[in-house]
C-alpha cells in the first residue's frame, strides 16, 4: 500500500472508472482510500437542530486501494510504485515506469545504508539449449 494522501490517482475499476483525482485520506486497516469526487453517494438528512434545512448531502465514500492506480507526475502515466533503499539508508517510493522518486517512506538508517550499497544486480542467466 504505497499510495498516500495527496497522490494523484486514476480509478481503474467501478462506476467511476477512468476518473483522475487526488487522494484525501487513506485507511490502512481496511485497505481503502477516500478520493476527491469519486464513489460519491447522496445521503438524505432529516431536519434537526444541526441541519435545520434538511435535504440531500453529497459525500465521497472509501474505494478499495486495488481499484486505484498512481499517476506519476514526472512521466504523466499511470504506473505501479516500488520501494527501494537509497545509498544513505533512507527508503523511498519510486515510479516503476520512469524510475523517478515519488517521496521518502522512512528516514535514513545505518543498517540499510550498508545493505543498499552492497547490493548489485544479479547476473543474467545463461540459456543453454542442447
Protein backbone atom coordinates (compact mmCIF):
# COMPACT_ATOMS: atom_id res chain seq x y z
CA UNK A 1 0.00 0.00 0.00
CA UNK A 2 2.27 2.71 -1.26
CA UNK A 3 -0.47 5.17 -2.20
CA UNK A 4 -0.51 8.14 0.17
CA UNK A 5 -2.63 11.19 0.93
CA UNK A 6 -2.16 13.88 -1.72
CA UNK A 7 -1.22 11.48 -4.55
CA UNK A 8 -2.95 11.78 -7.90
CA UNK A 9 -4.62 8.51 -8.88
CA UNK A 10 -6.82 7.08 -11.62
CA UNK A 11 -9.75 4.79 -10.82
CA UNK A 12 -9.30 1.57 -12.81
CA UNK A 13 -12.45 -0.30 -11.76
CA UNK A 14 -16.00 0.53 -10.75
CA UNK A 15 -18.58 3.14 -11.70
CA UNK A 16 -16.02 5.97 -11.72
CA UNK A 17 -13.53 4.08 -13.89
CA UNK A 18 -11.13 6.39 -15.72
CA UNK A 19 -11.61 9.34 -13.37
CA UNK A 20 -8.39 11.10 -12.33
CA UNK A 21 -8.36 12.75 -8.91
CA UNK A 22 -6.46 13.39 -5.66
CA UNK A 23 -6.40 11.13 -2.57
CA UNK A 24 -7.89 12.82 0.50
CA UNK A 25 -7.44 10.08 3.12
CA UNK A 26 -6.02 6.54 3.28
CA UNK A 27 -7.25 3.93 5.78
CA UNK A 28 -4.51 1.27 6.09
CA UNK A 29 -6.57 -1.12 8.24
CA UNK A 30 -9.38 -1.55 5.71
CA UNK A 31 -7.19 -1.01 2.63
CA UNK A 32 -9.38 1.81 1.34
CA UNK A 33 -8.93 5.44 0.36
CA UNK A 34 -11.24 8.42 0.01
CA UNK A 35 -10.65 10.07 -3.36
CA UNK A 36 -11.93 13.54 -4.24
CA UNK A 37 -15.13 13.30 -6.33
CA UNK A 38 -15.04 9.50 -6.64
CA UNK A 39 -17.59 6.97 -5.31
CA UNK A 40 -19.99 9.72 -4.27
CA UNK A 41 -23.29 8.98 -2.55
CA UNK A 42 -26.27 11.13 -1.65
CA UNK A 43 -27.30 11.00 1.99
CA UNK A 44 -30.75 12.26 2.88
CA UNK A 45 -30.68 14.36 6.04
CA UNK A 46 -33.75 14.84 8.22
CA UNK A 47 -34.39 18.30 9.65
CA UNK A 48 -32.72 18.73 13.04
CA UNK A 49 -31.03 21.41 15.12
CA UNK A 50 -27.73 20.65 13.39
CA UNK A 51 -29.34 20.68 9.90
CA UNK A 52 -32.37 22.99 10.19
CA UNK A 53 -32.95 22.93 6.42
CA UNK A 54 -32.52 19.16 5.99
CA UNK A 55 -32.06 17.96 2.41
CA UNK A 56 -29.56 15.87 0.48
CA UNK A 57 -25.87 15.77 1.43
CA UNK A 58 -23.27 14.62 -1.13
CA UNK A 59 -20.45 12.56 0.38
CA UNK A 60 -17.40 10.69 -1.00
CA UNK A 61 -17.17 7.10 0.22
CA UNK A 62 -14.00 4.98 0.51
CA UNK A 63 -12.80 2.99 -2.51
CA UNK A 64 -10.56 -0.11 -2.44
CA UNK A 65 -6.86 0.67 -2.99
CA UNK A 66 -6.63 -2.13 -5.55
CA UNK A 67 -9.03 -0.15 -7.75
CA UNK A 68 -6.68 2.85 -7.86
CA UNK A 69 -3.55 3.38 -9.91
CA UNK A 70 -0.88 6.00 -9.19
CA UNK A 71 -0.26 8.77 -11.75
CA UNK A 72 3.43 9.70 -11.90
CA UNK A 73 3.93 13.49 -12.04
CA UNK A 74 7.22 13.21 -13.96
CA UNK A 75 6.13 10.88 -16.79
CA UNK A 76 2.36 11.67 -16.59
CA UNK A 77 1.49 8.00 -16.94
CA UNK A 78 -0.24 5.51 -14.67
CA UNK A 79 2.33 3.27 -13.06
CA UNK A 80 2.93 0.93 -10.18
CA UNK A 81 5.01 2.10 -7.25
CA UNK A 82 8.03 0.34 -5.84
CA UNK A 83 10.12 0.83 -2.71
CA UNK A 84 13.91 0.96 -2.60
CA UNK A 85 16.73 1.89 -0.25
CA UNK A 86 18.99 4.78 -1.19
CA UNK A 87 22.75 5.00 -0.58
CA UNK A 88 22.23 6.98 2.65
CA UNK A 89 19.90 4.28 4.04
CA UNK A 90 16.58 6.06 3.58
CA UNK A 91 13.67 4.28 1.93
CA UNK A 92 11.74 5.90 -0.91
CA UNK A 93 8.84 5.22 -3.27
CA UNK A 94 9.58 5.27 -7.00
CA UNK A 95 7.71 5.02 -10.29
CA UNK A 96 8.36 1.66 -11.94
CA UNK A 97 7.98 3.12 -15.46
CA UNK A 98 10.35 6.11 -15.37
CA UNK A 99 12.30 5.24 -12.18
CA UNK A 100 11.59 8.72 -10.72
CA UNK A 101 11.35 9.26 -6.98
CA UNK A 102 7.84 9.67 -5.53
CA UNK A 103 8.82 10.66 -1.99
CA UNK A 104 10.51 9.27 1.08
CA UNK A 105 8.92 6.47 3.12
CA UNK A 106 11.36 6.15 6.02
CA UNK A 107 14.31 8.19 7.29
CA UNK A 108 17.91 7.06 6.91
CA UNK A 109 19.15 4.10 8.99
CA UNK A 110 22.73 2.90 9.26
CA UNK A 111 21.82 -0.76 8.78
CA UNK A 112 20.08 -0.06 5.47
CA UNK A 113 22.88 2.19 4.21
CA UNK A 114 25.30 -0.72 4.11
CA UNK A 115 22.72 -3.09 2.60
CA UNK A 116 21.84 -0.72 -0.27
CA UNK A 117 25.47 -0.04 -1.10
CA UNK A 118 26.35 -3.75 -1.18
CA UNK A 119 23.52 -4.79 -3.49
CA UNK A 120 24.33 -5.44 -7.10
CA UNK A 121 22.23 -6.66 -9.97
CA UNK A 122 22.01 -10.39 -10.49
CA UNK A 123 23.93 -11.74 -13.48
CA UNK A 124 21.80 -12.81 -16.45
CA UNK A 125 21.03 -16.50 -16.59
CA UNK A 126 22.87 -18.33 -19.31
CA UNK A 127 20.43 -20.12 -21.59
CA UNK A 128 21.90 -23.41 -22.67
CA UNK A 129 19.95 -25.24 -25.34
CA UNK A 130 21.04 -28.72 -26.31
